[in-house]
Amino acid sequence: MHRWIILFALAPLAACEAEPQLATLTEASPETVEALTGVLAAALGRASVQLGPGDPSREPVVSVLPPQPGPMEGNSPAMPALFDIVLVEGDCYVRAHSDGALHLLAGFSCVPAG
């Protein structure tokens, strides 16, 4: 009896999570890009964001441009925020380079990056 209790107690520790796999979006329509920018804005805690160059249906890395400097600022040292598009157990996510946080891309379709 005690063996079963120990087995069930240790089972969650033995289960391994699926490793995120780099992916690309299946399409980059204006609607998809708008929804993607909404997820990225929420991830960064900003009202809106502007994506950097690139096509998320061809490249697994998405960049978010930093906010424009204000009128009283000179050159800004701010760098773009980078996110990987990843596939985890069939669901699409963006993973922040800064802290590794995963943000679900609900309703998006991804394919493994080739």
PDB file of N, CA and C in Angstrom:
ATOM      1  N   MET A   1       0.811  -1.189   0.000  1.00  0.00           N
ATOM      2  CA  MET A   1       0.000   0.000   0.000  1.00  0.00           C
ATOM      3  C   MET A   1       0.862   1.263   0.000  1.00  0.00           C
ATOM      4  N   HIS A   2       1.923   1.254   0.833  1.00  0.00           N
ATOM      5  CA  HIS A   2       2.791   2.426   0.916  1.00  0.00           C
ATOM      6  C   HIS A   2       3.521   2.665  -0.400  1.00  0.00           C
ATOM      7  N   ARG A   3       3.806   1.596  -1.120  1.00  0.00           N
ATOM      8  CA  ARG A   3       4.487   1.753  -2.409  1.00  0.00           C
ATOM      9  C   ARG A   3       3.619   2.533  -3.382  1.00  0.00           C
ATOM     10  N   TRP A   4       2.332   2.276  -3.384  1.00  0.00           N
ATOM     11  CA  TRP A   4       1.422   2.980  -4.290  1.00  0.00           C
ATOM     12  C   TRP A   4       1.334   4.454  -3.931  1.00  0.00           C
ATOM     13  N   ILE A   5       1.312   4.741  -2.656  1.00  0.00           N
ATOM     14  CA  ILE A   5       1.245   6.138  -2.223  1.00  0.00           C
ATOM     15  C   ILE A   5       2.504   6.874  -2.666  1.00  0.00           C
ATOM     16  N   ILE A   6       3.633   6.257  -2.469  1.00  0.00           N
ATOM     17  CA  ILE A   6       4.900   6.863  -2.883  1.00  0.00           C
ATOM     18  C   ILE A   6       4.939   7.014  -4.397  1.00  0.00           C
ATOM     19  N   LEU A   7       4.487   6.006  -5.116  1.00  0.00           N
ATOM     20  CA  LEU A   7       4.474   6.060  -6.579  1.00  0.00           C
ATOM     21  C   LEU A   7       3.620   7.217  -7.071  1.00  0.00           C
ATOM     22  N   PHE A   8       2.419   7.373  -6.528  1.00  0.00           N
ATOM     23  CA  PHE A   8       1.543   8.455  -6.949  1.00  0.00           C
ATOM     24  C   PHE A   8       2.075   9.818  -6.514  1.00  0.00           C
ATOM     25  N   ALA A   9       2.763   9.867  -5.406  1.00  0.00           N
ATOM     26  CA  ALA A   9       3.331  11.132  -4.943  1.00  0.00           C
ATOM     27  C   ALA A   9       4.493  11.582  -5.821  1.00  0.00           C
ATOM     28  N   LEU A  10       5.254  10.634  -6.341  1.00  0.00           N
ATOM     29  CA  LEU A  10       6.417  10.971  -7.162  1.00  0.00           C
ATOM     30  C   LEU A  10       6.095  11.075  -8.642  1.00  0.00           C
ATOM     31  N   ALA A  11       4.943  10.614  -9.073  1.00  0.00           N
ATOM     32  CA  ALA A  11       4.587  10.622 -10.495  1.00  0.00           C
ATOM     33  C   ALA A  11       4.641  12.017 -11.117  1.00  0.00           C
ATOM     34  N   PRO A  12       4.114  13.069 -10.475  1.00  0.00           N
ATOM     35  CA  PRO A  12       4.205  14.395 -11.096  1.00  0.00           C
ATOM     36  C   PRO A  12       5.640  14.871 -11.293  1.00  0.00           C
ATOM     37  N   LEU A  13       6.534  14.451 -10.423  1.00  0.00           N
ATOM     38  CA  LEU A  13       7.928  14.848 -10.577  1.00  0.00           C
ATOM     39  C   LEU A  13       8.578  14.176 -11.776  1.00  0.00           C
ATOM     40  N   ALA A  14       8.107  12.976 -12.107  1.00  0.00           N
ATOM     41  CA  ALA A  14       8.689  12.247 -13.222  1.00  0.00           C
ATOM     42  C   ALA A  14       8.157  12.740 -14.559  1.00  0.00           C
ATOM     43  N   ALA A  15       6.977  13.320 -14.560  1.00  0.00           N
ATOM     44  CA  ALA A  15       6.395  13.814 -15.814  1.00  0.00           C
ATOM     45  C   ALA A  15       7.210  15.001 -16.289  1.00  0.00           C
ATOM     46  N   CYS A  16       7.598  14.970 -17.532  1.00  0.00           N
ATOM     47  CA  CYS A  16       8.383  16.077 -18.065  1.00  0.00           C
ATOM     48  C   CYS A  16       7.514  16.893 -19.014  1.00  0.00           C
ATOM     49  N   GLU A  17       7.650  18.193 -18.920  1.00  0.00           N
ATOM     50  CA  GLU A  17       6.901  19.073 -19.798  1.00  0.00           C
ATOM     51  C   GLU A  17       7.531  19.044 -21.181  1.00  0.00           C
ATOM     52  N   ALA A  18       6.696  19.253 -22.181  1.00  0.00           N
ATOM     53  CA  ALA A  18       7.198  19.300 -23.546  1.00  0.00           C
ATOM     54  C   ALA A  18       8.087  20.527 -23.712  1.00  0.00           C
ATOM     55  N   GLU A  19       9.192  20.334 -24.363  1.00  0.00           N
ATOM     56  CA  GLU A  19      10.126  21.418 -24.622  1.00  0.00           C
ATOM     57  C   GLU A  19       9.552  22.313 -25.724  1.00  0.00           C
ATOM     58  N   PRO A  20       9.523  23.645 -25.527  1.00  0.00           N
ATOM     59  CA  PRO A  20       9.029  24.530 -26.585  1.00  0.00           C
ATOM     60  C   PRO A  20       9.857  24.372 -27.855  1.00  0.00           C
ATOM     61  N   GLN A  21       9.167  24.350 -28.981  1.00  0.00           N
ATOM     62  CA  GLN A  21       9.809  24.190 -30.284  1.00  0.00           C
ATOM     63  C   GLN A  21       9.599  25.473 -31.082  1.00  0.00           C
ATOM     64  N   LEU A  22      10.679  26.019 -31.649  1.00  0.00           N
ATOM     65  CA  LEU A  22      10.549  27.224 -32.459  1.00  0.00           C
ATOM     66  C   LEU A  22       9.550  26.974 -33.576  1.00  0.00           C
ATOM     67  N   ALA A  23       8.724  27.990 -33.846  1.00  0.00           N
ATOM     68  CA  ALA A  23       7.665  27.841 -34.834  1.00  0.00           C
ATOM     69  C   ALA A  23       7.457  29.161 -35.574  1.00  0.00           C
ATOM     70  N   THR A  24       6.628  29.110 -36.587  1.00  0.00           N
ATOM     71  CA  THR A  24       6.189  30.295 -37.307  1.00  0.00           C
ATOM     72  C   THR A  24       4.673  30.248 -37.404  1.00  0.00           C
ATOM     73  N   LEU A  25       4.064  31.396 -37.567  1.00  0.00           N
ATOM     74  CA  LEU A  25       2.624  31.436 -37.770  1.00  0.00           C
ATOM     75  C   LEU A  25       2.296  30.884 -39.145  1.00  0.00           C
ATOM     76  N   THR A  26       1.132  30.279 -39.286  1.00  0.00           N
ATOM     77  CA  THR A  26       0.763  29.729 -40.596  1.00  0.00           C
ATOM     78  C   THR A  26       0.364  30.821 -41.570  1.00  0.00           C
ATOM     79  N   GLU A  27      -0.025  31.981 -41.054  1.00  0.00           N
ATOM     80  CA  GLU A  27      -0.368  33.109 -41.917  1.00  0.00           C
ATOM     81  C   GLU A  27      -0.013  34.411 -41.219  1.00  0.00           C
ATOM     82  N   ALA A  28       0.182  35.449 -42.022  1.00  0.00           N
ATOM     83  CA  ALA A  28       0.496  36.769 -41.472  1.00  0.00           C
ATOM     84  C   ALA A  28      -0.457  37.801 -42.065  1.00  0.00           C
ATOM     85  N   SER A  29      -1.743  37.479 -42.030  1.00  0.00           N
ATOM     86  CA  SER A  29      -2.753  38.410 -42.528  1.00  0.00           C
ATOM     87  C   SER A  29      -2.787  39.639 -41.627  1.00  0.00           C
ATOM     88  N   PRO A  30      -3.337  40.746 -42.091  1.00  0.00           N
ATOM     89  CA  PRO A  30      -3.433  41.933 -41.234  1.00  0.00           C
ATOM     90  C   PRO A  30      -4.173  41.656 -39.923  1.00  0.00           C
ATOM     91  N   GLU A  31      -5.194  40.810 -39.962  1.00  0.00           N
ATOM     92  CA  GLU A  31      -5.938  40.474 -38.749  1.00  0.00           C
ATOM     93  C   GLU A  31      -5.070  39.693 -37.764  1.00  0.00           C
ATOM     94  N   THR A  32      -4.284  38.755 -38.289  1.00  0.00           N
ATOM     95  CA  THR A  32      -3.398  37.955 -37.451  1.00  0.00           C
ATOM     96  C   THR A  32      -2.317  38.830 -36.819  1.00  0.00           C
ATOM     97  N   VAL A  33      -1.726  39.719 -37.619  1.00  0.00           N
ATOM     98  CA  VAL A  33      -0.681  40.609 -37.111  1.00  0.00           C
ATOM     99  C   VAL A  33      -1.263  41.550 -36.055  1.00  0.00           C
ATOM    100  N   GLU A  34      -2.486  42.028 -36.265  1.00  0.00           N
ATOM    101  CA  GLU A  34      -3.125  42.892 -35.276  1.00  0.00           C
ATOM    102  C   GLU A  34      -3.355  42.148 -33.962  1.00  0.00           C
ATOM    103  N   ALA A  35      -3.808  40.909 -34.048  1.00  0.00           N
ATOM    104  CA  ALA A  35      -4.015  40.108 -32.837  1.00  0.00           C
ATOM    105  C   ALA A  35      -2.675  39.827 -32.148  1.00  0.00           C
ATOM    106  N   LEU A  36      -1.637  39.551 -32.924  1.00  0.00           N
ATOM    107  CA  LEU A  36      -0.300  39.310 -32.376  1.00  0.00           C
ATOM    108  C   LEU A  36       0.209  40.545 -31.641  1.00  0.00           C
ATOM    109  N   THR A  37       0.035  41.728 -32.229  1.00  0.00           N
ATOM    110  CA  THR A  37       0.489  42.949 -31.552  1.00  0.00           C
ATOM    111  C   THR A  37      -0.277  43.174 -30.256  1.00  0.00           C
ATOM    112  N   GLY A  38      -1.536  42.762 -30.208  1.00  0.00           N
ATOM    113  CA  GLY A  38      -2.309  42.877 -28.966  1.00  0.00           C
ATOM    114  C   GLY A  38      -1.744  42.009 -27.864  1.00  0.00           C
ATOM    115  N   VAL A  39      -1.370  40.772 -28.204  1.00  0.00           N
ATOM    116  CA  VAL A  39      -0.771  39.866 -27.212  1.00  0.00           C
ATOM    117  C   VAL A  39       0.572  40.409 -26.745  1.00  0.00           C
ATOM    118  N   LEU A  40       1.368  40.910 -27.678  1.00  0.00           N
ATOM    119  CA  LEU A  40       2.686  41.437 -27.317  1.00  0.00           C
ATOM    120  C   LEU A  40       2.574  42.708 -26.481  1.00  0.00           C
ATOM    121  N   ALA A  41       1.598  43.558 -26.784  1.00  0.00           N
ATOM    122  CA  ALA A  41       1.387  44.767 -25.979  1.00  0.00           C
ATOM    123  C   ALA A  41       1.029  44.381 -24.546  1.00  0.00           C
ATOM    124  N   ALA A  42       0.140  43.401 -24.390  1.00  0.00           N
ATOM    125  CA  ALA A  42      -0.228  42.940 -23.044  1.00  0.00           C
ATOM    126  C   ALA A  42       0.978  42.342 -22.329  1.00  0.00           C
ATOM    127  N   ALA A  43       1.802  41.591 -23.052  1.00  0.00           N
ATOM    128  CA  ALA A  43       2.991  40.977 -22.451  1.00  0.00           C
ATOM    129  C   ALA A  43       3.973  42.033 -21.949  1.00  0.00           C
ATOM    130  N   LEU A  44       4.036  43.166 -22.648  1.00  0.00           N
ATOM    131  CA  LEU A  44       4.963  44.235 -22.269  1.00  0.00           C
ATOM    132  C   LEU A  44       4.324  45.270 -21.351  1.00  0.00           C
ATOM    133  N   GLY A  45       3.022  45.148 -21.108  1.00  0.00           N
ATOM    134  CA  GLY A  45       2.338  46.114 -20.257  1.00  0.00           C
ATOM    135  C   GLY A  45       2.195  47.475 -20.914  1.00  0.00           C
ATOM    136  N   ARG A  46       2.073  47.479 -22.236  1.00  0.00           N
ATOM    137  CA  ARG A  46       1.920  48.733 -22.975  1.00  0.00           C
ATOM    138  C   ARG A  46       0.569  48.754 -23.677  1.00  0.00           C
ATOM    139  N   ALA A  47       0.069  49.947 -23.966  1.00  0.00           N
ATOM    140  CA  ALA A  47      -1.229  50.077 -24.630  1.00  0.00           C
ATOM    141  C   ALA A  47      -1.156  49.611 -26.074  1.00  0.00           C
ATOM    142  N   SER A  48      -0.055  49.895 -26.732  1.00  0.00           N
ATOM    143  CA  SER A  48       0.115  49.481 -28.125  1.00  0.00           C
ATOM    144  C   SER A  48       1.597  49.302 -28.405  1.00  0.00           C
ATOM    145  N   VAL A  49       1.881  48.527 -29.424  1.00  0.00           N
ATOM    146  CA  VAL A  49       3.270  48.291 -29.825  1.00  0.00           C
ATOM    147  C   VAL A  49       3.364  48.340 -31.343  1.00  0.00           C
ATOM    148  N   GLN A  50       4.584  48.526 -31.799  1.00  0.00           N
ATOM    149  CA  GLN A  50       4.864  48.482 -33.226  1.00  0.00           C
ATOM    150  C   GLN A  50       5.874  47.365 -33.451  1.00  0.00           C
ATOM    151  N   LEU A  51       5.534  46.446 -34.360  1.00  0.00           N
ATOM    152  CA  LEU A  51       6.446  45.341 -34.661  1.00  0.00           C
ATOM    153  C   LEU A  51       7.614  45.833 -35.494  1.00  0.00           C
ATOM    154  N   GLY A  52       8.754  45.201 -35.286  1.00  0.00           N
ATOM    155  CA  GLY A  52       9.922  45.482 -36.096  1.00  0.00           C
ATOM    156  C   GLY A  52       9.807  44.756 -37.429  1.00  0.00           C
ATOM    157  N   PRO A  53      10.828  44.860 -38.260  1.00  0.00           N
ATOM    158  CA  PRO A  53      10.781  44.202 -39.565  1.00  0.00           C
ATOM    159  C   PRO A  53      10.759  42.687 -39.415  1.00  0.00           C
ATOM    160  N   GLY A  54      10.212  42.043 -40.414  1.00  0.00           N
ATOM    161  CA  GLY A  54      10.171  40.588 -40.420  1.00  0.00           C
ATOM    162  C   GLY A  54       8.766  40.077 -40.671  1.00  0.00           C
ATOM    163  N   ASP A  55       8.691  38.815 -41.024  1.00  0.00           N
ATOM    164  CA  ASP A  55       7.420  38.161 -41.338  1.00  0.00           C
ATOM    165  C   ASP A  55       7.238  36.995 -40.378  1.00  0.00           C
ATOM    166  N   PRO A  56       6.269  37.076 -39.454  1.00  0.00           N
ATOM    167  CA  PRO A  56       6.093  35.997 -38.478  1.00  0.00           C
ATOM    168  C   PRO A  56       5.635  34.678 -39.091  1.00  0.00           C
ATOM    169  N   SER A  57       5.279  34.687 -40.373  1.00  0.00           N
ATOM    170  CA  SER A  57       4.946  33.424 -41.022  1.00  0.00           C
ATOM    171  C   SER A  57       6.178  32.777 -41.649  1.00  0.00           C
ATOM    172  N   ARG A  58       7.307  33.481 -41.588  1.00  0.00           N
ATOM    173  CA  ARG A  58       8.563  32.939 -42.135  1.00  0.00           C
ATOM    174  C   ARG A  58       9.694  32.901 -41.126  1.00  0.00           C
ATOM    175  N   GLU A  59       9.605  33.740 -40.085  1.00  0.00           N
ATOM    176  CA  GLU A  59      10.676  33.843 -39.091  1.00  0.00           C
ATOM    177  C   GLU A  59      10.120  33.571 -37.698  1.00  0.00           C
ATOM    178  N   PRO A  60      10.831  32.782 -36.885  1.00  0.00           N
ATOM    179  CA  PRO A  60      10.326  32.448 -35.550  1.00  0.00           C
ATOM    180  C   PRO A  60      10.576  33.520 -34.489  1.00  0.00           C
ATOM    181  N   VAL A  61      11.249  34.605 -34.843  1.00  0.00           N
ATOM    182  CA  VAL A  61      11.533  35.668 -33.873  1.00  0.00           C
ATOM    183  C   VAL A  61      10.781  36.926 -34.287  1.00  0.00           C
ATOM    184  N   VAL A  62      10.088  37.520 -33.311  1.00  0.00           N
ATOM    185  CA  VAL A  62       9.339  38.751 -33.540  1.00  0.00           C
ATOM    186  C   VAL A  62       9.965  39.832 -32.673  1.00  0.00           C
ATOM    187  N   SER A  63      10.166  41.018 -33.243  1.00  0.00           N
ATOM    188  CA  SER A  63      10.708  42.121 -32.459  1.00  0.00           C
ATOM    189  C   SER A  63       9.645  43.204 -32.289  1.00  0.00           C
ATOM    190  N   VAL A  64       9.663  43.815 -31.118  1.00  0.00           N
ATOM    191  CA  VAL A  64       8.771  44.928 -30.806  1.00  0.00           C
ATOM    192  C   VAL A  64       9.646  46.153 -30.617  1.00  0.00           C
ATOM    193  N   LEU A  65       9.386  47.181 -31.408  1.00  0.00           N
ATOM    194  CA  LEU A  65      10.197  48.388 -31.342  1.00  0.00           C
ATOM    195  C   LEU A  65       9.960  49.126 -30.025  1.00  0.00           C
ATOM    196  N   PRO A  66      10.995  49.771 -29.495  1.00  0.00           N
ATOM    197  CA  PRO A  66      10.806  50.537 -28.254  1.00  0.00           C
ATOM    198  C   PRO A  66       9.963  51.777 -28.539  1.00  0.00           C
ATOM    199  N   PRO A  67       9.362  52.345 -27.503  1.00  0.00           N
ATOM    200  CA  PRO A  67       8.596  53.584 -27.700  1.00  0.00           C
ATOM    201  C   PRO A  67       9.494  54.685 -28.256  1.00  0.00           C
ATOM    202  N   GLN A  68       8.914  55.578 -29.035  1.00  0.00           N
ATOM    203  CA  GLN A  68       9.662  56.702 -29.595  1.00  0.00           C
ATOM    204  C   GLN A  68      10.099  57.629 -28.470  1.00  0.00           C
ATOM    205  N   PRO A  69      11.301  58.207 -28.577  1.00  0.00           N
ATOM    206  CA  PRO A  69      11.737  59.176 -27.554  1.00  0.00           C
ATOM    207  C   PRO A  69      10.804  60.388 -27.549  1.00  0.00           C
ATOM    208  N   GLY A  70      10.628  60.957 -26.381  1.00  0.00           N
ATOM    209  CA  GLY A  70       9.797  62.154 -26.245  1.00  0.00           C
ATOM    210  C   GLY A  70      10.504  63.373 -26.806  1.00  0.00           C
ATOM    211  N   PRO A  71       9.805  64.506 -26.873  1.00  0.00           N
ATOM    212  CA  PRO A  71      10.389  65.718 -27.457  1.00  0.00           C
ATOM    213  C   PRO A  71      11.559  66.273 -26.651  1.00  0.00           C
ATOM    214  N   MET A  72      11.631  65.939 -25.368  1.00  0.00           N
ATOM    215  CA  MET A  72      12.718  66.448 -24.533  1.00  0.00           C
ATOM    216  C   MET A  72      13.879  65.456 -24.420  1.00  0.00           C
ATOM    217  N   GLU A  73      13.781  64.338 -25.138  1.00  0.00           N
ATOM    218  CA  GLU A  73      14.831  63.310 -25.087  1.00  0.00           C
ATOM    219  C   GLU A  73      15.686  63.386 -26.340  1.00  0.00           C
ATOM    220  N   GLY A  74      16.917  63.007 -26.189  1.00  0.00           N
ATOM    221  CA  GLY A  74      17.809  62.907 -27.336  1.00  0.00           C
ATOM    222  C   GLY A  74      17.737  61.502 -27.889  1.00  0.00           C
ATOM    223  N   ASN A  75      18.864  60.936 -28.174  1.00  0.00           N
ATOM    224  CA  ASN A  75      18.907  59.553 -28.644  1.00  0.00           C
ATOM    225  C   ASN A  75      18.549  58.619 -27.502  1.00  0.00           C
ATOM    226  N   SER A  76      17.751  57.627 -27.809  1.00  0.00           N
ATOM    227  CA  SER A  76      17.321  56.675 -26.789  1.00  0.00           C
ATOM    228  C   SER A  76      18.166  55.408 -26.865  1.00  0.00           C
ATOM    229  N   PRO A  77      18.637  54.898 -25.723  1.00  0.00           N
ATOM    230  CA  PRO A  77      19.397  53.641 -25.733  1.00  0.00           C
ATOM    231  C   PRO A  77      18.487  52.408 -25.721  1.00  0.00           C
ATOM    232  N   ALA A  78      17.172  52.615 -25.781  1.00  0.00           N
ATOM    233  CA  ALA A  78      16.224  51.496 -25.715  1.00  0.00           C
ATOM    234  C   ALA A  78      16.430  50.542 -26.891  1.00  0.00           C
ATOM    235  N   MET A  79      16.310  49.277 -26.601  1.00  0.00           N
ATOM    236  CA  MET A  79      16.466  48.233 -27.619  1.00  0.00           C
ATOM    237  C   MET A  79      15.114  47.559 -27.851  1.00  0.00           C
ATOM    238  N   PRO A  80      14.938  46.940 -29.023  1.00  0.00           N
ATOM    239  CA  PRO A  80      13.681  46.220 -29.257  1.00  0.00           C
ATOM    240  C   PRO A  80      13.535  45.051 -28.289  1.00  0.00           C
ATOM    241  N   ALA A  81      12.302  44.737 -27.978  1.00  0.00           N
ATOM    242  CA  ALA A  81      11.997  43.545 -27.173  1.00  0.00           C
ATOM    243  C   ALA A  81      11.847  42.383 -28.150  1.00  0.00           C
ATOM    244  N   LEU A  82      12.485  41.268 -27.859  1.00  0.00           N
ATOM    245  CA  LEU A  82      12.450  40.109 -28.749  1.00  0.00           C
ATOM    246  C   LEU A  82      11.623  38.991 -28.144  1.00  0.00           C
ATOM    247  N   PHE A  83      10.876  38.318 -29.007  1.00  0.00           N
ATOM    248  CA  PHE A  83      10.032  37.190 -28.620  1.00  0.00           C
ATOM    249  C   PHE A  83      10.210  36.080 -29.639  1.00  0.00           C
ATOM    250  N   ASP A  84      10.268  34.842 -29.164  1.00  0.00           N
ATOM    251  CA  ASP A  84      10.251  33.672 -30.040  1.00  0.00           C
ATOM    252  C   ASP A  84       8.819  33.192 -30.166  1.00  0.00           C
ATOM    253  N   ILE A  85       8.439  32.768 -31.348  1.00  0.00           N
ATOM    254  CA  ILE A  85       7.177  32.065 -31.522  1.00  0.00           C
ATOM    255  C   ILE A  85       7.496  30.598 -31.279  1.00  0.00           C
ATOM    256  N   VAL A  86       6.781  29.973 -30.360  1.00  0.00           N
ATOM    257  CA  VAL A  86       7.060  28.579 -30.024  1.00  0.00           C
ATOM    258  C   VAL A  86       5.774  27.763 -30.020  1.00  0.00           C
ATOM    259  N   LEU A  87       5.962  26.488 -30.222  1.00  0.00           N
ATOM    260  CA  LEU A  87       4.882  25.516 -30.223  1.00  0.00           C
ATOM    261  C   LEU A  87       5.089  24.616 -29.015  1.00  0.00           C
ATOM    262  N   VAL A  88       4.074  24.527 -28.139  1.00  0.00           N
ATOM    263  CA  VAL A  88       4.140  23.686 -26.947  1.00  0.00           C
ATOM    264  C   VAL A  88       2.878  22.837 -26.913  1.00  0.00           C
ATOM    265  N   GLU A  89       3.048  21.538 -27.090  1.00  0.00           N
ATOM    266  CA  GLU A  89       1.934  20.590 -27.050  1.00  0.00           C
ATOM    267  C   GLU A  89       0.776  21.029 -27.933  1.00  0.00           C
ATOM    268  N   GLY A  90       1.081  21.508 -29.132  1.00  0.00           N
ATOM    269  CA  GLY A  90       0.062  21.883 -30.098  1.00  0.00           C
ATOM    270  C   GLY A  90      -0.465  23.296 -29.989  1.00  0.00           C
ATOM    271  N   ASP A  91      -0.056  24.054 -28.962  1.00  0.00           N
ATOM    272  CA  ASP A  91      -0.511  25.430 -28.796  1.00  0.00           C
ATOM    273  C   ASP A  91       0.614  26.397 -29.139  1.00  0.00           C
ATOM    274  N   CYS A  92       0.236  27.556 -29.706  1.00  0.00           N
ATOM    275  CA  CYS A  92       1.200  28.592 -30.064  1.00  0.00           C
ATOM    276  C   CYS A  92       1.373  29.562 -28.906  1.00  0.00           C
ATOM    277  N   TYR A  93       2.607  29.951 -28.685  1.00  0.00           N
ATOM    278  CA  TYR A  93       2.954  30.917 -27.645  1.00  0.00           C
ATOM    279  C   TYR A  93       4.008  31.861 -28.203  1.00  0.00           C
ATOM    280  N   VAL A  94       4.171  33.008 -27.549  1.00  0.00           N
ATOM    281  CA  VAL A  94       5.376  33.813 -27.742  1.00  0.00           C
ATOM    282  C   VAL A  94       6.138  33.736 -26.420  1.00  0.00           C
ATOM    283  N   ARG A  95       7.454  33.577 -26.537  1.00  0.00           N
ATOM    284  CA  ARG A  95       8.323  33.469 -25.362  1.00  0.00           C
ATOM    285  C   ARG A  95       9.255  34.678 -25.352  1.00  0.00           C
ATOM    286  N   ALA A  96       9.193  35.457 -24.276  1.00  0.00           N
ATOM    287  CA  ALA A  96      10.014  36.659 -24.152  1.00  0.00           C
ATOM    288  C   ALA A  96      11.479  36.284 -23.981  1.00  0.00           C
ATOM    289  N   HIS A  97      12.349  36.938 -24.722  1.00  0.00           N
ATOM    290  CA  HIS A  97      13.788  36.721 -24.546  1.00  0.00           C
ATOM    291  C   HIS A  97      14.242  37.245 -23.191  1.00  0.00           C
ATOM    292  N   SER A  98      13.587  38.292 -22.695  1.00  0.00           N
ATOM    293  CA  SER A  98      14.027  38.939 -21.455  1.00  0.00           C
ATOM    294  C   SER A  98      13.906  38.043 -20.235  1.00  0.00           C
ATOM    295  N   ASP A  99      12.796  37.316 -20.117  1.00  0.00           N
ATOM    296  CA  ASP A  99      12.595  36.504 -18.915  1.00  0.00           C
ATOM    297  C   ASP A  99      12.077  35.094 -19.186  1.00  0.00           C
ATOM    298  N   GLY A 100      11.872  34.746 -20.447  1.00  0.00           N
ATOM    299  CA  GLY A 100      11.410  33.404 -20.796  1.00  0.00           C
ATOM    300  C   GLY A 100       9.928  33.163 -20.571  1.00  0.00           C
ATOM    301  N   ALA A 101       9.181  34.205 -20.207  1.00  0.00           N
ATOM    302  CA  ALA A 101       7.752  34.049 -19.953  1.00  0.00           C
ATOM    303  C   ALA A 101       7.026  33.666 -21.242  1.00  0.00           C
ATOM    304  N   LEU A 102       6.086  32.732 -21.111  1.00  0.00           N
ATOM    305  CA  LEU A 102       5.268  32.296 -22.240  1.00  0.00           C
ATOM    306  C   LEU A 102       3.930  33.011 -22.214  1.00  0.00           C
ATOM    307  N   HIS A 103       3.487  33.470 -23.385  1.00  0.00           N
ATOM    308  CA  HIS A 103       2.205  34.147 -23.531  1.00  0.00           C
ATOM    309  C   HIS A 103       1.440  33.435 -24.644  1.00  0.00           C
ATOM    310  N   LEU A 104       0.268  32.913 -24.308  1.00  0.00           N
ATOM    311  CA  LEU A 104      -0.528  32.123 -25.240  1.00  0.00           C
ATOM    312  C   LEU A 104      -1.032  32.965 -26.394  1.00  0.00           C
ATOM    313  N   LEU A 105      -0.915  32.412 -27.583  1.00  0.00           N
ATOM    314  CA  LEU A 105      -1.493  32.999 -28.782  1.00  0.00           C
ATOM    315  C   LEU A 105      -2.778  32.229 -29.082  1.00  0.00           C
ATOM    316  N   ALA A 106      -3.829  32.541 -28.344  1.00  0.00           N
ATOM    317  CA  ALA A 106      -5.095  31.813 -28.459  1.00  0.00           C
ATOM    318  C   ALA A 106      -5.692  32.009 -29.854  1.00  0.00           C
ATOM    319  N   GLY A 107      -6.080  30.911 -30.459  1.00  0.00           N
ATOM    320  CA  GLY A 107      -6.693  30.959 -31.774  1.00  0.00           C
ATOM    321  C   GLY A 107      -5.709  31.049 -32.925  1.00  0.00           C
ATOM    322  N   PHE A 108      -4.423  31.063 -32.636  1.00  0.00           N
ATOM    323  CA  PHE A 108      -3.408  31.121 -33.684  1.00  0.00           C
ATOM    324  C   PHE A 108      -3.021  29.725 -34.117  1.00  0.00           C
ATOM    325  N   SER A 109      -2.562  29.594 -35.329  1.00  0.00           N
ATOM    326  CA  SER A 109      -2.083  28.325 -35.839  1.00  0.00           C
ATOM    327  C   SER A 109      -0.597  28.481 -36.181  1.00  0.00           C
ATOM    328  N   CYS A 110       0.215  27.555 -35.675  1.00  0.00           N
ATOM    329  CA  CYS A 110       1.667  27.589 -35.889  1.00  0.00           C
ATOM    330  C   CYS A 110       2.143  26.273 -36.487  1.00  0.00           C
ATOM    331  N   VAL A 111       3.292  26.347 -37.119  1.00  0.00           N
ATOM    332  CA  VAL A 111       3.964  25.154 -37.617  1.00  0.00           C
ATOM    333  C   VAL A 111       5.415  25.229 -37.153  1.00  0.00           C
ATOM    334  N   PRO A 112       6.055  24.082 -36.927  1.00  0.00           N
ATOM    335  CA  PRO A 112       7.469  24.096 -36.532  1.00  0.00           C
ATOM    336  C   PRO A 112       8.321  24.844 -37.563  1.00  0.00           C
ATOM    337  N   ALA A 113       9.256  25.633 -37.067  1.00  0.00           N
ATOM    338  CA  ALA A 113      10.145  26.384 -37.960  1.00  0.00           C
ATOM    339  C   ALA A 113      11.073  25.411 -38.672  1.00  0.00           C
ATOM    340  N   GLY A 114      11.259  25.637 -39.927  1.00  0.00           N
ATOM    341  CA  GLY A 114      12.114  24.752 -40.704  1.00  0.00           C
ATOM    342  C   GLY A 114      13.308  25.438 -41.107  1.00  0.00           C
TER     343      GLY A 114
END
